[in-house]
Protein backbone atom coordinates (compact mmCIF):
# COMPACT_ATOMS: atom_id res chain seq x y z
CA MET A 1 117.23 63.96 89.26
CA LYS A 2 120.71 62.79 88.42
CA LYS A 3 123.56 64.34 90.34
CA SER A 4 125.35 65.64 87.27
CA PHE A 5 128.40 67.85 87.54
CA VAL A 6 129.05 68.42 83.86
CA LEU A 7 130.48 71.77 82.80
CA LEU A 8 129.32 72.94 79.40
CA GLY A 9 129.71 76.12 77.41
CA LEU A 10 133.45 76.58 77.06
CA LEU A 11 134.58 80.01 78.19
CA THR A 12 136.21 80.76 74.86
CA THR A 13 132.93 80.03 73.06
CA VAL A 14 130.76 82.00 75.42
CA LEU A 15 133.05 85.00 75.58
CA SER A 16 133.69 85.24 71.86
CA PHE A 17 130.66 87.51 71.41
CA ALA A 18 130.63 89.02 74.88
CA GLN A 19 133.33 91.68 74.55
CA LEU A 20 134.86 90.63 77.88
CA ASP A 21 138.24 88.92 78.16
CA GLN A 22 138.81 85.67 79.99
CA VAL A 23 142.01 85.67 82.02
CA ASP A 24 143.88 83.57 84.53
CA PRO A 25 142.48 84.58 87.96
CA LYS A 26 146.05 84.97 89.24
CA GLN A 27 146.47 87.88 86.84
CA GLU A 28 143.76 89.74 88.75
CA GLY A 29 144.95 88.85 92.25
CA VAL A 30 142.68 85.83 92.72
CA SER A 31 143.63 82.23 93.50
CA ALA A 32 142.38 79.88 90.79
CA GLU A 33 142.59 76.95 93.20
CA ARG A 34 140.55 78.66 95.92
CA LEU A 35 138.10 80.02 93.34
CA GLU A 36 137.11 76.42 92.66
CA ARG A 37 135.22 76.49 95.94
CA ILE A 38 132.43 78.10 93.91
CA SER A 39 132.34 74.84 91.95
CA GLU A 40 132.29 72.89 95.20
CA VAL A 41 129.33 74.92 96.47
CA SER A 42 127.49 74.37 93.20
CA LYS A 43 128.14 70.62 93.26
CA SER A 44 127.03 70.42 96.88
CA TYR A 45 123.72 72.15 96.16
CA ILE A 46 123.06 69.80 93.26
CA ALA A 47 124.11 66.68 95.17
CA ASP A 48 121.74 67.65 97.99
CA GLU A 49 119.01 68.20 95.39
CA LYS A 50 118.51 71.80 96.46
CA VAL A 51 118.73 73.00 92.85
CA ALA A 52 118.62 71.27 89.48
CA GLY A 53 121.46 73.33 88.06
CA ILE A 54 123.42 76.50 88.66
CA ALA A 55 125.43 78.87 86.46
CA THR A 56 127.83 81.38 88.00
CA MET A 57 130.08 84.03 86.53
CA VAL A 58 132.68 86.20 88.29
CA SER A 59 134.70 89.10 86.97
CA ARG A 60 137.43 91.21 88.49
CA ASN A 61 138.79 94.43 87.03
CA GLY A 62 136.56 93.89 84.01
CA LYS A 63 137.96 90.43 83.22
CA ILE A 64 136.11 87.13 83.52
CA ILE A 65 137.89 84.88 86.02
CA TYR A 66 135.19 82.24 86.52
CA ALA A 67 132.27 81.07 84.36
CA LYS A 68 130.83 77.60 84.89
CA ALA A 69 127.53 75.77 84.82
CA PHE A 70 126.74 72.57 86.71
CA GLY A 71 123.84 70.17 86.90
CA GLU A 72 120.81 69.68 84.70
CA ARG A 73 118.23 71.92 83.07
CA GLY A 74 115.51 70.74 85.42
CA VAL A 75 114.23 67.92 87.61
CA ASP A 76 112.19 66.72 84.63
CA ASP A 77 114.79 67.61 82.02
CA SER A 78 118.03 65.66 82.38
CA LYS A 79 119.93 67.53 79.68
CA THR A 80 122.99 69.22 81.13
CA LEU A 81 122.77 72.91 81.96
CA LYS A 82 124.77 75.21 79.72
CA ILE A 83 126.38 78.49 80.69
CA ASP A 84 124.37 80.31 78.01
CA ASP A 85 120.95 78.89 78.89
CA LEU A 86 118.11 81.36 79.42
CA PHE A 87 116.84 82.16 82.92
CA ARG A 88 113.85 84.10 84.22
CA ILE A 89 115.56 86.88 86.14
CA TYR A 90 112.34 88.36 87.58
CA SER A 91 113.28 91.24 89.93
CA MET A 92 116.77 91.55 88.47
CA THR A 93 114.80 93.35 85.76
CA LYS A 94 114.39 96.24 88.22
CA PRO A 95 117.96 97.64 88.13
CA ILE A 96 117.86 97.64 84.32
CA VAL A 97 114.61 99.61 84.28
CA ALA A 98 115.95 101.98 86.94
CA VAL A 99 118.91 102.70 84.66
CA ALA A 100 116.50 103.29 81.78
CA ALA A 101 114.56 105.80 83.88
CA MET A 102 117.73 107.62 84.88
CA GLN A 103 118.75 107.88 81.24
CA LEU A 104 115.59 109.94 80.76
CA TYR A 105 116.44 111.89 83.92
CA GLU A 106 119.77 112.79 82.34
CA LYS A 107 117.87 114.10 79.31
CA GLY A 108 115.90 116.45 81.57
CA MET A 109 112.60 114.64 81.08
CA PHE A 110 111.76 114.56 84.79
CA HIS A 111 113.00 115.63 88.20
CA LEU A 112 113.15 113.23 91.13
CA SER A 113 110.88 115.61 93.03
CA ASP A 114 108.21 115.45 90.31
CA PRO A 115 104.92 113.81 91.32
CA ILE A 116 104.33 110.58 89.39
CA SER A 117 100.82 111.85 88.60
CA LYS A 118 102.51 114.20 86.14
CA PHE A 119 103.19 111.12 83.99
CA LEU A 120 100.52 108.77 85.37
CA PRO A 121 97.49 111.05 85.87
CA GLU A 122 95.36 107.97 86.53
CA LEU A 123 97.14 107.72 89.91
CA ALA A 124 96.46 111.28 91.03
CA GLU A 125 93.79 110.29 93.55
CA LEU A 126 94.65 107.22 95.61
CA ASN A 127 93.54 106.08 99.05
CA VAL A 128 95.60 104.64 101.87
CA MET A 129 94.20 101.49 103.50
CA ASP A 130 94.96 100.72 107.15
CA GLU A 131 95.18 97.26 108.70
CA GLU A 132 91.44 97.25 109.44
CA GLY A 133 90.61 98.01 105.83
CA ASN A 134 89.64 101.66 106.36
CA LEU A 135 90.40 104.05 103.52
CA THR A 136 91.82 107.56 103.84
CA PRO A 137 92.47 109.84 100.85
CA ASN A 138 96.17 110.25 100.17
CA LYS A 139 97.07 113.93 100.30
CA GLU A 140 100.84 113.60 99.78
CA PRO A 141 102.04 113.57 96.14
CA ILE A 142 104.12 110.50 95.31
CA SER A 143 107.51 111.57 93.96
CA MET A 144 109.68 109.88 91.36
CA GLN A 145 112.35 109.42 94.02
CA GLN A 146 109.89 107.58 96.25
CA LEU A 147 108.89 105.39 93.31
CA LEU A 148 112.50 104.44 92.59
CA THR A 149 113.21 103.63 96.26
CA HIS A 150 110.08 101.61 97.11
CA THR A 151 108.92 104.26 99.57
CA ALA A 152 105.89 105.36 97.52
CA GLY A 153 103.39 103.29 99.50
CA PHE A 154 102.51 100.68 96.87
CA SER A 155 102.54 96.95 97.61
CA TYR A 156 102.98 93.64 95.76
CA GLY A 157 100.36 91.19 97.03
CA PHE A 158 102.86 89.02 98.91
CA SER A 159 101.14 89.00 102.32
CA ASN A 160 97.72 88.33 103.81
CA SER A 161 97.10 91.98 104.60
CA LYS A 162 93.86 93.54 103.43
CA VAL A 163 95.79 95.69 100.96
CA ASP A 164 97.55 92.69 99.46
CA GLN A 165 94.26 90.84 99.19
CA GLU A 166 93.07 93.67 96.97
CA TYR A 167 96.26 93.44 94.90
CA ASN A 168 95.72 89.73 94.35
CA LYS A 169 92.12 90.26 93.30
CA ALA A 170 93.28 92.80 90.71
CA GLU A 171 95.36 90.14 88.92
CA LEU A 172 97.79 92.81 87.71
CA TRP A 173 99.94 90.42 85.72
CA THR A 174 97.04 89.50 83.44
CA SER A 175 96.79 93.09 82.22
CA LYS A 176 96.60 93.34 78.43
CA ASP A 177 99.08 96.20 78.25
CA SER A 178 100.57 98.99 80.33
CA ASP A 179 97.45 101.17 80.10
CA ASP A 180 95.33 98.31 81.40
CA PHE A 181 97.89 97.78 84.17
CA ILE A 182 97.71 101.43 85.29
CA LYS A 183 93.92 101.32 85.18
CA ARG A 184 93.93 98.38 87.59
CA VAL A 185 96.50 100.00 89.89
CA ALA A 186 94.39 103.17 90.03
CA ALA A 187 91.62 101.17 91.70
CA LEU A 188 93.96 99.81 94.41
CA PRO A 189 94.78 101.37 97.79
CA LEU A 190 98.23 102.34 98.97
CA HIS A 191 99.67 100.26 101.78
CA TYR A 192 101.32 103.27 103.46
CA LYS A 193 101.46 107.00 103.09
CA PRO A 194 104.15 108.04 100.58
CA GLY A 195 107.52 108.38 102.30
CA GLU A 196 106.36 106.63 105.47
CA ARG A 197 108.45 103.50 105.05
CA TRP A 198 110.26 101.18 102.66
CA HIS A 199 107.97 98.49 101.30
CA TYR A 200 108.80 96.26 98.33
CA SER A 201 106.25 96.84 95.61
CA ILE A 202 105.13 97.24 92.01
CA ALA A 203 106.94 100.59 91.94
CA VAL A 204 109.37 99.58 89.20
CA ASP A 205 106.53 98.30 87.05
CA LEU A 206 105.09 101.80 87.32
CA THR A 207 108.53 103.20 86.51
CA GLY A 208 108.56 101.06 83.37
CA VAL A 209 105.26 102.57 82.24
CA ILE A 210 106.66 106.06 82.84
CA VAL A 211 109.66 105.15 80.66
CA GLU A 212 107.20 104.19 77.94
CA ARG A 213 105.20 107.39 78.20
CA LEU A 214 108.20 109.70 78.34
CA SER A 215 110.07 107.99 75.51
CA GLY A 216 107.09 107.19 73.30
CA MET A 217 108.43 103.64 72.95
CA GLY A 218 107.36 100.28 74.32
CA LEU A 219 109.52 99.25 77.25
CA ASP A 220 110.84 96.32 75.24
CA GLU A 221 111.88 98.59 72.38
CA TYR A 222 113.37 101.20 74.69
CA LEU A 223 115.55 98.71 76.58
CA GLN A 224 116.64 97.05 73.36
CA THR A 225 117.64 100.35 71.76
CA HIS A 226 119.20 102.16 74.71
CA ILE A 227 120.71 99.37 76.85
CA PHE A 228 120.81 95.92 75.26
CA GLU A 229 122.15 96.85 71.82
CA PRO A 230 124.83 99.27 73.08
CA LEU A 231 126.11 96.68 75.55
CA GLY A 232 125.90 93.70 73.20
CA MET A 233 123.23 91.96 75.31
CA VAL A 234 121.91 89.59 72.64
CA ASP A 235 120.04 87.23 74.96
CA THR A 236 117.89 89.52 77.12
CA PHE A 237 114.22 90.04 76.30
CA PHE A 238 110.64 89.94 77.58
CA GLU A 239 109.57 87.58 74.80
CA VAL A 240 111.83 84.60 74.07
CA PRO A 241 112.48 84.26 70.33
CA LYS A 242 111.27 80.95 68.90
CA LYS A 243 114.76 80.07 67.70
CA LYS A 244 116.07 80.42 71.28
CA MET A 245 113.22 78.68 73.10
CA ASN A 246 115.26 75.46 73.30
CA ARG A 247 117.62 77.31 75.68
CA PHE A 248 114.81 78.53 77.97
CA LEU A 249 114.88 76.62 81.25
CA PRO A 250 111.98 75.15 83.24
CA ASN A 251 111.19 76.77 86.58
CA HIS A 252 110.89 75.01 89.95
CA TYR A 253 109.47 75.25 93.44
CA TYR A 254 110.34 73.39 96.62
CA ASP A 255 107.65 71.02 97.86
CA TYR A 256 108.02 71.14 101.65
CA GLY A 257 105.72 68.17 102.13
CA GLU A 258 107.72 65.86 99.91
CA LYS A 259 110.97 67.73 100.55
CA SER A 260 111.85 67.79 96.88
CA LEU A 261 111.98 70.08 93.86
CA LYS A 262 109.01 70.15 91.51
CA THR A 263 108.58 71.73 88.10
CA VAL A 264 106.36 74.80 87.93
CA GLN A 265 103.55 74.24 85.44
CA GLU A 266 103.36 77.65 83.81
CA THR A 267 100.17 78.82 82.16
CA LYS A 268 100.29 79.79 78.51
CA GLU A 269 97.28 82.08 78.70
CA LYS A 270 97.69 85.03 76.36
CA TYR A 271 97.85 87.74 79.00
CA ASN A 272 100.16 86.74 81.82
CA ALA A 273 103.34 88.78 82.18
CA MET A 274 104.90 86.32 84.63
CA SER A 275 104.40 83.04 82.81
CA ASN A 276 103.82 83.62 79.10
CA TYR A 277 107.16 84.39 77.47
CA GLU A 278 106.06 83.64 73.92
CA ASP A 279 103.40 86.29 73.25
CA VAL A 280 104.00 89.32 75.49
CA SER A 281 102.02 92.55 75.40
CA MET A 282 102.46 93.85 78.97
CA PHE A 283 106.14 94.40 79.70
CA SER A 284 106.76 94.10 83.44
CA GLY A 285 109.50 96.54 84.43
CA GLY A 286 109.61 94.87 87.82
CA GLY A 287 110.09 91.27 86.77
CA GLY A 288 109.49 90.39 83.14
CA LEU A 289 112.94 89.83 81.63
CA VAL A 290 114.71 86.65 80.60
CA SER A 291 118.51 86.70 80.34
CA THR A 292 121.77 84.77 80.58
CA ALA A 293 124.66 84.97 83.01
CA MET A 294 126.87 86.57 80.36
CA ASP A 295 124.31 89.15 79.25
CA TYR A 296 123.71 90.25 82.81
CA MET A 297 127.45 90.39 83.40
CA LEU A 298 127.74 92.83 80.50
CA PHE A 299 125.18 95.08 82.18
CA MET A 300 127.02 94.78 85.50
CA GLU A 301 130.39 95.56 83.94
CA ALA A 302 128.97 98.69 82.35
CA LEU A 303 127.93 99.82 85.83
CA GLN A 304 131.23 98.75 87.37
CA ASN A 305 132.94 100.85 84.72
CA GLY A 306 130.96 103.99 85.58
CA GLY A 307 128.15 103.52 83.05
CA SER A 308 129.98 102.48 79.88
CA LEU A 309 131.35 99.36 78.25
CA ASN A 310 133.72 99.17 75.30
CA GLY A 311 133.16 102.81 74.48
CA ASN A 312 129.37 102.65 74.64
CA ARG A 313 128.02 104.82 77.44
CA ILE A 314 124.53 104.12 78.77
CA LEU A 315 124.72 106.34 81.86
CA GLY A 316 126.91 109.11 83.23
CA PRO A 317 129.27 108.16 86.08
CA LYS A 318 127.94 110.90 88.35
CA THR A 319 124.37 109.69 87.78
CA LEU A 320 125.36 106.13 88.63
CA GLN A 321 127.23 107.30 91.72
CA TYR A 322 124.07 109.07 92.84
CA MET A 323 121.95 105.95 92.21
CA ILE A 324 124.07 103.75 94.46
CA ARG A 325 123.92 106.06 97.48
CA ASN A 326 121.52 105.23 100.29
CA HIS A 327 118.32 107.20 99.60
CA LEU A 328 116.37 106.00 102.63
CA SER A 329 115.78 108.68 105.21
CA GLY A 330 116.04 108.02 108.92
CA SER A 331 112.29 108.47 109.32
CA ILE A 332 111.38 105.53 107.11
CA GLU A 333 110.23 102.40 108.86
CA GLN A 334 109.74 98.93 107.47
CA LYS A 335 106.69 96.90 108.43
CA GLY A 336 107.57 94.88 111.51
CA GLY A 337 109.96 97.47 112.92
CA ALA A 338 109.73 98.34 116.60
CA GLY A 339 110.25 102.07 116.73
CA GLU A 340 113.52 101.91 114.87
CA ASN A 341 114.42 101.97 111.22
CA PRO A 342 115.55 98.45 110.24
CA LEU A 343 116.79 99.73 106.87
CA ASP A 344 119.03 102.47 108.18
CA GLU A 345 122.68 101.85 109.00
CA ALA A 346 121.98 102.85 112.60
CA SER A 347 119.54 99.96 112.92
CA ASN A 348 122.51 97.56 112.82
CA ASN A 349 121.48 95.44 109.85
CA GLY A 350 123.72 97.15 107.30
CA PHE A 351 121.11 97.43 104.54
CA GLY A 352 120.15 100.47 102.49
CA PHE A 353 118.46 101.20 99.20
CA GLY A 354 119.44 103.43 96.31
CA LEU A 355 117.63 104.16 93.06
CA GLY A 356 116.92 100.62 91.91
CA PHE A 357 119.54 98.75 93.95
CA GLY A 358 119.88 97.23 97.39
CA LEU A 359 123.00 98.48 99.18
CA VAL A 360 125.40 97.14 101.79
CA THR A 361 126.01 100.04 104.15
CA ASN A 362 127.82 97.99 106.80
CA SER A 363 129.11 94.52 105.91
CA VAL A 364 129.80 93.62 109.55
CA ASN A 365 126.27 94.42 110.65
CA ASN A 366 124.99 92.71 107.52
CA SER A 367 126.65 89.51 108.82
CA ILE A 368 127.97 88.53 105.38
CA ILE A 369 131.53 88.98 104.13
CA GLY A 370 131.75 91.81 101.63
CA SER A 371 132.42 95.52 101.22
CA GLU A 372 130.63 98.70 102.16
CA GLY A 373 129.18 100.21 99.01
CA GLU A 374 128.25 96.91 97.36
CA TYR A 375 125.04 97.16 95.34
CA ASN A 376 122.91 94.20 94.43
CA TRP A 377 119.56 92.53 93.92
CA GLY A 378 118.03 89.14 93.23
CA GLY A 379 115.08 87.52 91.51
CA ALA A 380 112.15 85.43 92.69
CA ALA A 381 113.56 82.32 91.01
CA GLY A 382 116.82 82.50 92.96
CA THR A 383 118.98 84.52 90.58
CA VAL A 384 121.30 86.99 92.27
CA PHE A 385 123.98 89.54 91.45
CA TRP A 386 126.23 91.91 93.32
CA ILE A 387 128.75 94.55 92.31
CA ASP A 388 131.59 95.37 94.66
CA PRO A 389 133.23 98.67 93.63
CA VAL A 390 135.88 98.38 96.36
CA GLU A 391 137.31 95.07 95.14
CA ASN A 392 136.24 95.60 91.50
CA VAL A 393 134.38 92.30 91.67
CA SER A 394 131.10 91.48 89.93
CA VAL A 395 129.21 88.22 90.49
CA VAL A 396 126.04 86.84 88.92
CA SER A 397 124.59 83.44 89.74
CA MET A 398 121.56 81.85 88.11
CA ILE A 399 119.17 79.12 89.26
CA GLN A 400 115.45 78.56 88.61
CA LEU A 401 113.83 77.93 91.98
CA MET A 402 110.95 80.05 93.22
CA SER A 403 111.28 81.40 96.76
CA SER A 404 114.46 79.44 97.36
CA PRO A 405 114.82 78.49 101.04
CA TRP A 406 118.60 78.11 100.73
CA LYS A 407 121.35 80.59 101.62
CA LEU A 408 123.00 80.35 98.23
CA ARG A 409 124.01 84.01 98.10
CA GLU A 410 125.83 83.79 101.42
CA ASP A 411 127.62 80.62 100.37
CA LEU A 412 128.65 82.19 97.09
CA LYS A 413 129.95 85.33 98.78
CA VAL A 414 132.19 83.31 101.08
CA ALA A 415 133.44 81.24 98.14
CA VAL A 416 134.24 84.33 96.07
CA TYR A 417 135.86 86.52 98.71
CA GLN A 418 138.01 83.83 100.29
CA ALA A 419 139.67 83.39 96.89
CA LEU A 420 141.04 86.94 96.74
CA ASP A 421 144.82 87.01 97.18
CA GLN A 422 145.00 90.77 96.85
CA ILE A 423 142.42 93.16 98.29
CA ASN A 424 141.88 96.88 97.93
CA GLU A 425 140.75 97.87 101.43
C-alpha cells in the first residue's frame, strides 16, 4: 500500500448539495492551524499502515470547519480516497433507526412501556439460557424502552457463550426478509432476563422490524421518506445504486499473524444483509446502511439543531432531549461486572446509554477529553461519530477496517478539542 496523502473532494464541491456552509474555522472560535492536527493523525495512521484511508468531517455551530480525506481506497485499490466515497457504517445505522422509531412514538403509535410482543407476537414466549445452557421461561414482558436501550436480554453472537453459539447457528443475517428474521429470533434464547443488564444486541434490528410493521412500509422506504429525503441525504441506503457502486469502498481486517491489513472477501450470496449490498431484501436496522461523511453529518446536524435542518423537522426537540438522557437504571449490570454497575456514572467509567445512543456522563472518568452530555456511536468497520451539545461540535470519521485495534477515536478527540480557541463551559 502506498503511503498517499492526497486530499480529494474539494469542500466547495462536496458542500454544494449538502445545505451546510463551509467557513473559516476562526469564525467559529477554532484555530485552523491547530485543526490540521486531524490531518497529521490521519497521515500518521496511513503511514503506519493502520488504515488504507480515512475521511473526517467536523462542524461547529452548524458550519463545516474541516472536511478532508487521505490515503487510498484500499490495500488492493490504489486509487485515492475521496471525501464522498461510500462507507459501510454498520452500527451507526442504529441511531438513525432509533430516530425513526421515536418519530412513530411522537405519532402515538406506541408507548415505551408497551411490550414488544404487541408488535412482534412471535416473540411473546421466549426462554432465558444460563451459562450452563439451561432454559427458563421468560416471565417478564420486554418493553420498547428495554429494546431501545439494549437491556431487553437479546444478544449478538459475538462471544463463545452457549447463547451466542445458538445465535451463530441461526445465521440471522441470511434471513430472506424481516419476517424470516423474526421467525429465527423466536427460536433463540435470551441471554439475560429483560432489564437485568445492558448487553449489546440485535435489539435495533428488532426495532427496525417494528418500524416496518407500525408504518406499513419497508424500513428502506420509511427511512428514505421520513429521514433521508427531508435532510437531503442523497448517499445513504441499504442497497448501493449501480451508478454509485464505483464509489463503494472495499472493507478490511487486520491480520495479526502478518501484522498487515487485508481485504475482506465479501460473499455475494443473495441473502446476506451484511455483505450483499446489491440485492437487499432484509434491511438490518442494526447495521445495514451505507453512507458518506457528508450525509451522516447532515443527520448529526439535524440532531445538534434539536431535530431539524434547514426548516425540515424530523423529530421534536423535547423527544430528542429525552433520547439523549441516560436510561440505564442503577440495578443494571454488564457481563463481567463485579457487584457494581460498570455503565452507571457511579461506577467511575463515565458511560451511559440513551435511546439509541451511547452517552458520556463523566468525561473525566471516561478518560477521554470531551464534554458531559456528548452522545455518540461507532460501526464495526471503524466508523465513528460524536455530537457535543456543550461545544456545538459534531465529528464524523470514516474508515473501513473491521474490529479496528487502534485508538482512532481517542486520537481524533484530542486533535479536535485542542483546536478550540473558544469554549462554552
